Amino acid sequence: GFESIPATMYLSILMLTGQGEPDGELTTLLKSLCAFTAIFSVAMVAIPASMLTFGFEIEAQRLVLKRRERRLRRRIRAERLENH
């Protein structure tokens, strides 16, 4: 597997993307295609997942602010009732 730098880069891409080492010998074209699909398949999952996570985070922040505003309004109402 580690005969050259490109061969090592190919194996590291496959290992990092969870595909493991291929069985048998592949041509350079097939290795390039495997590396290309490995990189872009991770990007196709990671980018939407990060967008979804960001959406959940924004919604959670919005709900926290909404609760905080409600508590503040209740406290102000309670203080007004106590003062009258």
PDB file of N, CA and C in Angstrom:
ATOM      1  N   GLY A   1       0.725  -1.176   0.000  1.00  0.00           N
ATOM      2  CA  GLY A   1       0.000   0.000   0.000  1.00  0.00           C
ATOM      3  C   GLY A   1       0.788   1.279   0.000  1.00  0.00           C
ATOM      4  N   PHE A   2       1.991   1.358   0.647  1.00  0.00           N
ATOM      5  CA  PHE A   2       2.686   2.638   0.785  1.00  0.00           C
ATOM      6  C   PHE A   2       3.908   2.694  -0.117  1.00  0.00           C
ATOM      7  N   GLU A   3       3.724   2.390  -1.403  1.00  0.00           N
ATOM      8  CA  GLU A   3       4.855   2.407  -2.337  1.00  0.00           C
ATOM      9  C   GLU A   3       5.246   3.817  -2.739  1.00  0.00           C
ATOM     10  N   SER A   4       4.274   4.732  -2.769  1.00  0.00           N
ATOM     11  CA  SER A   4       4.547   6.107  -3.193  1.00  0.00           C
ATOM     12  C   SER A   4       3.610   7.057  -2.446  1.00  0.00           C
ATOM     13  N   ILE A   5       3.861   8.332  -2.596  1.00  0.00           N
ATOM     14  CA  ILE A   5       3.011   9.332  -1.942  1.00  0.00           C
ATOM     15  C   ILE A   5       1.587   9.302  -2.505  1.00  0.00           C
ATOM     16  N   PRO A   6       1.386   9.240  -3.844  1.00  0.00           N
ATOM     17  CA  PRO A   6       0.016   9.156  -4.346  1.00  0.00           C
ATOM     18  C   PRO A   6      -0.722   7.896  -3.860  1.00  0.00           C
ATOM     19  N   ALA A   7      -0.021   6.765  -3.788  1.00  0.00           N
ATOM     20  CA  ALA A   7      -0.658   5.538  -3.297  1.00  0.00           C
ATOM     21  C   ALA A   7      -1.058   5.689  -1.836  1.00  0.00           C
ATOM     22  N   THR A   8      -0.212   6.329  -1.062  1.00  0.00           N
ATOM     23  CA  THR A   8      -0.518   6.576   0.346  1.00  0.00           C
ATOM     24  C   THR A   8      -1.678   7.544   0.488  1.00  0.00           C
ATOM     25  N   MET A   9      -1.708   8.583  -0.345  1.00  0.00           N
ATOM     26  CA  MET A   9      -2.826   9.531  -0.304  1.00  0.00           C
ATOM     27  C   MET A   9      -4.134   8.839  -0.658  1.00  0.00           C
ATOM     28  N   TYR A  10      -4.099   7.960  -1.658  1.00  0.00           N
ATOM     29  CA  TYR A  10      -5.295   7.214  -2.055  1.00  0.00           C
ATOM     30  C   TYR A  10      -5.806   6.358  -0.894  1.00  0.00           C
ATOM     31  N   LEU A  11      -4.908   5.620  -0.261  1.00  0.00           N
ATOM     32  CA  LEU A  11      -5.325   4.770   0.861  1.00  0.00           C
ATOM     33  C   LEU A  11      -5.815   5.604   2.046  1.00  0.00           C
ATOM     34  N   SER A  12      -5.170   6.745   2.295  1.00  0.00           N
ATOM     35  CA  SER A  12      -5.613   7.577   3.419  1.00  0.00           C
ATOM     36  C   SER A  12      -6.998   8.149   3.163  1.00  0.00           C
ATOM     37  N   ILE A  13      -7.306   8.536   1.923  1.00  0.00           N
ATOM     38  CA  ILE A  13      -8.645   9.024   1.596  1.00  0.00           C
ATOM     39  C   ILE A  13      -9.677   7.925   1.838  1.00  0.00           C
ATOM     40  N   LEU A  14      -9.362   6.711   1.379  1.00  0.00           N
ATOM     41  CA  LEU A  14     -10.303   5.620   1.570  1.00  0.00           C
ATOM     42  C   LEU A  14     -10.480   5.281   3.044  1.00  0.00           C
ATOM     43  N   MET A  15      -9.417   5.303   3.804  1.00  0.00           N
ATOM     44  CA  MET A  15      -9.515   4.982   5.229  1.00  0.00           C
ATOM     45  C   MET A  15     -10.270   6.071   5.989  1.00  0.00           C
ATOM     46  N   LEU A  16     -10.000   7.338   5.678  1.00  0.00           N
ATOM     47  CA  LEU A  16     -10.665   8.435   6.382  1.00  0.00           C
ATOM     48  C   LEU A  16     -12.156   8.516   6.063  1.00  0.00           C
ATOM     49  N   THR A  17     -12.551   8.091   4.886  1.00  0.00           N
ATOM     50  CA  THR A  17     -13.967   8.121   4.528  1.00  0.00           C
ATOM     51  C   THR A  17     -14.680   6.831   4.903  1.00  0.00           C
ATOM     52  N   GLY A  18     -13.972   5.903   5.515  1.00  0.00           N
ATOM     53  CA  GLY A  18     -14.595   4.681   6.019  1.00  0.00           C
ATOM     54  C   GLY A  18     -14.788   3.581   5.007  1.00  0.00           C
ATOM     55  N   GLN A  19     -14.146   3.654   3.869  1.00  0.00           N
ATOM     56  CA  GLN A  19     -14.334   2.636   2.848  1.00  0.00           C
ATOM     57  C   GLN A  19     -13.374   1.465   2.994  1.00  0.00           C
ATOM     58  N   GLY A  20     -12.262   1.700   3.635  1.00  0.00           N
ATOM     59  CA  GLY A  20     -11.286   0.626   3.804  1.00  0.00           C
ATOM     60  C   GLY A  20     -10.479   0.375   2.555  1.00  0.00           C
ATOM     61  N   GLU A  21      -9.565  -0.581   2.647  1.00  0.00           N
ATOM     62  CA  GLU A  21      -8.686  -0.887   1.522  1.00  0.00           C
ATOM     63  C   GLU A  21      -9.425  -1.774   0.523  1.00  0.00           C
ATOM     64  N   PRO A  22      -9.313  -1.457  -0.774  1.00  0.00           N
ATOM     65  CA  PRO A  22     -10.021  -2.266  -1.785  1.00  0.00           C
ATOM     66  C   PRO A  22      -9.363  -3.636  -1.965  1.00  0.00           C
ATOM     67  N   ASP A  23     -10.171  -4.594  -2.366  1.00  0.00           N
ATOM     68  CA  ASP A  23      -9.653  -5.931  -2.681  1.00  0.00           C
ATOM     69  C   ASP A  23      -9.133  -5.924  -4.113  1.00  0.00           C
ATOM     70  N   GLY A  24      -7.931  -6.414  -4.313  1.00  0.00           N
ATOM     71  CA  GLY A  24      -7.363  -6.507  -5.648  1.00  0.00           C
ATOM     72  C   GLY A  24      -6.717  -5.220  -6.107  1.00  0.00           C
ATOM     73  N   GLU A  25      -6.220  -5.247  -7.330  1.00  0.00           N
ATOM     74  CA  GLU A  25      -5.549  -4.091  -7.918  1.00  0.00           C
ATOM     75  C   GLU A  25      -6.530  -3.285  -8.750  1.00  0.00           C
ATOM     76  N   LEU A  26      -6.428  -1.980  -8.648  1.00  0.00           N
ATOM     77  CA  LEU A  26      -7.265  -1.083  -9.438  1.00  0.00           C
ATOM     78  C   LEU A  26      -6.370  -0.240 -10.333  1.00  0.00           C
ATOM     79  N   THR A  27      -6.919   0.138 -11.472  1.00  0.00           N
ATOM     80  CA  THR A  27      -6.162   1.009 -12.368  1.00  0.00           C
ATOM     81  C   THR A  27      -6.133   2.420 -11.772  1.00  0.00           C
ATOM     82  N   THR A  28      -5.267   3.238 -12.316  1.00  0.00           N
ATOM     83  CA  THR A  28      -5.145   4.612 -11.843  1.00  0.00           C
ATOM     84  C   THR A  28      -6.446   5.372 -12.031  1.00  0.00           C
ATOM     85  N   LEU A  29      -7.138   5.123 -13.124  1.00  0.00           N
ATOM     86  CA  LEU A  29      -8.415   5.779 -13.388  1.00  0.00           C
ATOM     87  C   LEU A  29      -9.449   5.383 -12.324  1.00  0.00           C
ATOM     88  N   LEU A  30      -9.515   4.104 -12.003  1.00  0.00           N
ATOM     89  CA  LEU A  30     -10.463   3.650 -10.998  1.00  0.00           C
ATOM     90  C   LEU A  30     -10.105   4.174  -9.606  1.00  0.00           C
ATOM     91  N   LYS A  31      -8.813   4.252  -9.313  1.00  0.00           N
ATOM     92  CA  LYS A  31      -8.398   4.822  -8.031  1.00  0.00           C
ATOM     93  C   LYS A  31      -8.796   6.290  -7.944  1.00  0.00           C
ATOM     94  N   SER A  32      -8.611   7.026  -9.038  1.00  0.00           N
ATOM     95  CA  SER A  32      -9.003   8.435  -9.072  1.00  0.00           C
ATOM     96  C   SER A  32     -10.514   8.572  -8.896  1.00  0.00           C
ATOM     97  N   LEU A  33     -11.271   7.723  -9.557  1.00  0.00           N
ATOM     98  CA  LEU A  33     -12.727   7.746  -9.442  1.00  0.00           C
ATOM     99  C   LEU A  33     -13.171   7.410  -8.019  1.00  0.00           C
ATOM    100  N   CYS A  34     -12.538   6.425  -7.406  1.00  0.00           N
ATOM    101  CA  CYS A  34     -12.860   6.063  -6.014  1.00  0.00           C
ATOM    102  C   CYS A  34     -12.558   7.222  -5.071  1.00  0.00           C
ATOM    103  N   ALA A  35     -11.409   7.857  -5.230  1.00  0.00           N
ATOM    104  CA  ALA A  35     -11.041   8.986  -4.367  1.00  0.00           C
ATOM    105  C   ALA A  35     -12.003  10.154  -4.567  1.00  0.00           C
ATOM    106  N   PHE A  36     -12.348  10.431  -5.810  1.00  0.00           N
ATOM    107  CA  PHE A  36     -13.281  11.518  -6.126  1.00  0.00           C
ATOM    108  C   PHE A  36     -14.644  11.267  -5.484  1.00  0.00           C
ATOM    109  N   THR A  37     -15.191  10.072  -5.668  1.00  0.00           N
ATOM    110  CA  THR A  37     -16.503   9.780  -5.081  1.00  0.00           C
ATOM    111  C   THR A  37     -16.444   9.734  -3.561  1.00  0.00           C
ATOM    112  N   ALA A  38     -15.334   9.293  -2.993  1.00  0.00           N
ATOM    113  CA  ALA A  38     -15.206   9.261  -1.532  1.00  0.00           C
ATOM    114  C   ALA A  38     -15.244  10.671  -0.959  1.00  0.00           C
ATOM    115  N   ILE A  39     -14.497  11.575  -1.567  1.00  0.00           N
ATOM    116  CA  ILE A  39     -14.445  12.957  -1.073  1.00  0.00           C
ATOM    117  C   ILE A  39     -15.807  13.635  -1.235  1.00  0.00           C
ATOM    118  N   PHE A  40     -16.409  13.503  -2.403  1.00  0.00           N
ATOM    119  CA  PHE A  40     -17.675  14.199  -2.641  1.00  0.00           C
ATOM    120  C   PHE A  40     -18.862  13.543  -1.960  1.00  0.00           C
ATOM    121  N   SER A  41     -18.793  12.256  -1.680  1.00  0.00           N
ATOM    122  CA  SER A  41     -19.891  11.636  -0.938  1.00  0.00           C
ATOM    123  C   SER A  41     -19.893  12.111   0.507  1.00  0.00           C
ATOM    124  N   VAL A  42     -18.723  12.318   1.082  1.00  0.00           N
ATOM    125  CA  VAL A  42     -18.646  12.879   2.433  1.00  0.00           C
ATOM    126  C   VAL A  42     -19.184  14.307   2.421  1.00  0.00           C
ATOM    127  N   ALA A  43     -18.813  15.087   1.422  1.00  0.00           N
ATOM    128  CA  ALA A  43     -19.295  16.468   1.328  1.00  0.00           C
ATOM    129  C   ALA A  43     -20.801  16.511   1.143  1.00  0.00           C
ATOM    130  N   MET A  44     -21.355  15.573   0.397  1.00  0.00           N
ATOM    131  CA  MET A  44     -22.801  15.563   0.159  1.00  0.00           C
ATOM    132  C   MET A  44     -23.578  15.228   1.427  1.00  0.00           C
ATOM    133  N   VAL A  45     -22.968  14.567   2.369  1.00  0.00           N
ATOM    134  CA  VAL A  45     -23.632  14.260   3.635  1.00  0.00           C
ATOM    135  C   VAL A  45     -23.299  15.318   4.678  1.00  0.00           C
ATOM    136  N   ALA A  46     -22.058  15.744   4.731  1.00  0.00           N
ATOM    137  CA  ALA A  46     -21.610  16.657   5.789  1.00  0.00           C
ATOM    138  C   ALA A  46     -22.211  18.053   5.650  1.00  0.00           C
ATOM    139  N   ILE A  47     -22.317  18.568   4.455  1.00  0.00           N
ATOM    140  CA  ILE A  47     -22.834  19.922   4.275  1.00  0.00           C
ATOM    141  C   ILE A  47     -24.304  20.019   4.667  1.00  0.00           C
ATOM    142  N   PRO A  48     -25.185  19.141   4.171  1.00  0.00           N
ATOM    143  CA  PRO A  48     -26.579  19.225   4.631  1.00  0.00           C
ATOM    144  C   PRO A  48     -26.725  18.951   6.126  1.00  0.00           C
ATOM    145  N   ALA A  49     -25.922  18.060   6.669  1.00  0.00           N
ATOM    146  CA  ALA A  49     -25.999  17.775   8.105  1.00  0.00           C
ATOM    147  C   ALA A  49     -25.613  19.009   8.913  1.00  0.00           C
ATOM    148  N   SER A  50     -24.600  19.729   8.477  1.00  0.00           N
ATOM    149  CA  SER A  50     -24.204  20.935   9.205  1.00  0.00           C
ATOM    150  C   SER A  50     -25.266  22.020   9.070  1.00  0.00           C
ATOM    151  N   MET A  51     -25.908  22.112   7.918  1.00  0.00           N
ATOM    152  CA  MET A  51     -26.987  23.080   7.742  1.00  0.00           C
ATOM    153  C   MET A  51     -28.170  22.741   8.642  1.00  0.00           C
ATOM    154  N   LEU A  52     -28.484  21.473   8.749  1.00  0.00           N
ATOM    155  CA  LEU A  52     -29.574  21.037   9.609  1.00  0.00           C
ATOM    156  C   LEU A  52     -29.255  21.332  11.072  1.00  0.00           C
ATOM    157  N   THR A  53     -28.035  21.055  11.475  1.00  0.00           N
ATOM    158  CA  THR A  53     -27.615  21.341  12.843  1.00  0.00           C
ATOM    159  C   THR A  53     -27.685  22.835  13.124  1.00  0.00           C
ATOM    160  N   PHE A  54     -27.265  23.648  12.184  1.00  0.00           N
ATOM    161  CA  PHE A  54     -27.320  25.100  12.339  1.00  0.00           C
ATOM    162  C   PHE A  54     -28.770  25.562  12.491  1.00  0.00           C
ATOM    163  N   GLY A  55     -29.675  24.968  11.711  1.00  0.00           N
ATOM    164  CA  GLY A  55     -31.087  25.309  11.813  1.00  0.00           C
ATOM    165  C   GLY A  55     -31.648  24.981  13.188  1.00  0.00           C
ATOM    166  N   PHE A  56     -31.287  23.817  13.728  1.00  0.00           N
ATOM    167  CA  PHE A  56     -31.734  23.449  15.068  1.00  0.00           C
ATOM    168  C   PHE A  56     -31.175  24.413  16.112  1.00  0.00           C
ATOM    169  N   GLU A  57     -29.930  24.812  15.944  1.00  0.00           N
ATOM    170  CA  GLU A  57     -29.308  25.730  16.895  1.00  0.00           C
ATOM    171  C   GLU A  57     -30.000  27.088  16.888  1.00  0.00           C
ATOM    172  N   ILE A  58     -30.302  27.598  15.706  1.00  0.00           N
ATOM    173  CA  ILE A  58     -31.005  28.878  15.594  1.00  0.00           C
ATOM    174  C   ILE A  58     -32.382  28.786  16.239  1.00  0.00           C
ATOM    175  N   GLU A  59     -33.101  27.693  15.991  1.00  0.00           N
ATOM    176  CA  GLU A  59     -34.432  27.515  16.578  1.00  0.00           C
ATOM    177  C   GLU A  59     -34.352  27.414  18.102  1.00  0.00           C
ATOM    178  N   ALA A  60     -33.350  26.731  18.621  1.00  0.00           N
ATOM    179  CA  ALA A  60     -33.183  26.620  20.070  1.00  0.00           C
ATOM    180  C   ALA A  60     -32.907  27.997  20.673  1.00  0.00           C
ATOM    181  N   GLN A  61     -32.094  28.804  20.039  1.00  0.00           N
ATOM    182  CA  GLN A  61     -31.814  30.154  20.529  1.00  0.00           C
ATOM    183  C   GLN A  61     -33.080  31.007  20.507  1.00  0.00           C
ATOM    184  N   ARG A  62     -33.884  30.855  19.454  1.00  0.00           N
ATOM    185  CA  ARG A  62     -35.128  31.608  19.354  1.00  0.00           C
ATOM    186  C   ARG A  62     -36.074  31.237  20.485  1.00  0.00           C
ATOM    187  N   LEU A  63     -36.176  29.937  20.787  1.00  0.00           N
ATOM    188  CA  LEU A  63     -37.048  29.498  21.869  1.00  0.00           C
ATOM    189  C   LEU A  63     -36.568  29.981  23.228  1.00  0.00           C
ATOM    190  N   VAL A  64     -35.254  29.998  23.440  1.00  0.00           N
ATOM    191  CA  VAL A  64     -34.715  30.504  24.708  1.00  0.00           C
ATOM    192  C   VAL A  64     -35.052  31.986  24.864  1.00  0.00           C
ATOM    193  N   LEU A  65     -34.883  32.771  23.815  1.00  0.00           N
ATOM    194  CA  LEU A  65     -35.209  34.196  23.885  1.00  0.00           C
ATOM    195  C   LEU A  65     -36.701  34.410  24.129  1.00  0.00           C
ATOM    196  N   LYS A  66     -37.529  33.573  23.496  1.00  0.00           N
ATOM    197  CA  LYS A  66     -38.972  33.677  23.681  1.00  0.00           C
ATOM    198  C   LYS A  66     -39.352  33.387  25.134  1.00  0.00           C
ATOM    199  N   ARG A  67     -38.771  32.355  25.720  1.00  0.00           N
ATOM    200  CA  ARG A  67     -39.035  32.038  27.127  1.00  0.00           C
ATOM    201  C   ARG A  67     -38.561  33.154  28.045  1.00  0.00           C
ATOM    202  N   ARG A  68     -37.408  33.700  27.750  1.00  0.00           N
ATOM    203  CA  ARG A  68     -36.857  34.789  28.561  1.00  0.00           C
ATOM    204  C   ARG A  68     -37.783  36.005  28.519  1.00  0.00           C
ATOM    205  N   GLU A  69     -38.318  36.319  27.324  1.00  0.00           N
ATOM    206  CA  GLU A  69     -39.250  37.441  27.193  1.00  0.00           C
ATOM    207  C   GLU A  69     -40.522  37.186  27.991  1.00  0.00           C
ATOM    208  N   ARG A  70     -41.042  35.968  27.946  1.00  0.00           N
ATOM    209  CA  ARG A  70     -42.243  35.636  28.720  1.00  0.00           C
ATOM    210  C   ARG A  70     -42.004  35.828  30.210  1.00  0.00           C
ATOM    211  N   ARG A  71     -40.882  35.305  30.692  1.00  0.00           N
ATOM    212  CA  ARG A  71     -40.565  35.455  32.120  1.00  0.00           C
ATOM    213  C   ARG A  71     -40.460  36.926  32.508  1.00  0.00           C
ATOM    214  N   LEU A  72     -39.825  37.716  31.672  1.00  0.00           N
ATOM    215  CA  LEU A  72     -39.676  39.142  31.945  1.00  0.00           C
ATOM    216  C   LEU A  72     -41.049  39.824  31.983  1.00  0.00           C
ATOM    217  N   ARG A  73     -41.926  39.510  31.022  1.00  0.00           N
ATOM    218  CA  ARG A  73     -43.272  40.087  31.009  1.00  0.00           C
ATOM    219  C   ARG A  73     -44.057  39.690  32.251  1.00  0.00           C
ATOM    220  N   ARG A  74     -43.950  38.435  32.661  1.00  0.00           N
ATOM    221  CA  ARG A  74     -44.643  37.990  33.875  1.00  0.00           C
ATOM    222  C   ARG A  74     -44.131  38.732  35.099  1.00  0.00           C
ATOM    223  N   ARG A  75     -42.824  38.900  35.188  1.00  0.00           N
ATOM    224  CA  ARG A  75     -42.234  39.603  36.323  1.00  0.00           C
ATOM    225  C   ARG A  75     -42.704  41.057  36.360  1.00  0.00           C
ATOM    226  N   ILE A  76     -42.756  41.705  35.190  1.00  0.00           N
ATOM    227  CA  ILE A  76     -43.210  43.101  35.119  1.00  0.00           C
ATOM    228  C   ILE A  76     -44.673  43.194  35.537  1.00  0.00           C
ATOM    229  N   ARG A  77     -45.523  42.264  35.053  1.00  0.00           N
ATOM    230  CA  ARG A  77     -46.936  42.250  35.439  1.00  0.00           C
ATOM    231  C   ARG A  77     -47.093  42.059  36.943  1.00  0.00           C
ATOM    232  N   ALA A  78     -46.310  41.130  37.507  1.00  0.00           N
ATOM    233  CA  ALA A  78     -46.384  40.871  38.946  1.00  0.00           C
ATOM    234  C   ALA A  78     -45.970  42.097  39.742  1.00  0.00           C
ATOM    235  N   GLU A  79     -44.944  42.807  39.309  1.00  0.00           N
ATOM    236  CA  GLU A  79     -44.504  44.019  39.986  1.00  0.00           C
ATOM    237  C   GLU A  79     -45.543  45.123  39.891  1.00  0.00           C
ATOM    238  N   ARG A  80     -46.207  45.239  38.738  1.00  0.00           N
ATOM    239  CA  ARG A  80     -47.261  46.242  38.565  1.00  0.00           C
ATOM    240  C   ARG A  80     -48.439  45.964  39.498  1.00  0.00           C
ATOM    241  N   LEU A  81     -48.805  44.676  39.607  1.00  0.00           N
ATOM    242  CA  LEU A  81     -49.913  44.305  40.488  1.00  0.00           C
ATOM    243  C   LEU A  81     -49.575  44.548  41.950  1.00  0.00           C
ATOM    244  N   GLU A  82     -48.337  44.321  42.333  1.00  0.00           N
ATOM    245  CA  GLU A  82     -47.905  44.555  43.706  1.00  0.00           C
ATOM    246  C   GLU A  82     -47.894  46.048  44.029  1.00  0.00           C
ATOM    247  N   ASN A  83     -47.552  46.892  43.075  1.00  0.00           N
ATOM    248  CA  ASN A  83     -47.453  48.329  43.297  1.00  0.00           C
ATOM    249  C   ASN A  83     -48.820  49.012  43.330  1.00  0.00           C
ATOM    250  N   HIS A  84     -49.826  48.404  42.755  1.00  0.00           N
ATOM    251  CA  HIS A  84     -51.159  49.041  42.730  1.00  0.00           C
ATOM    252  C   HIS A  84     -51.940  48.617  43.861  1.00  0.00           C
TER     253      HIS A  84
END
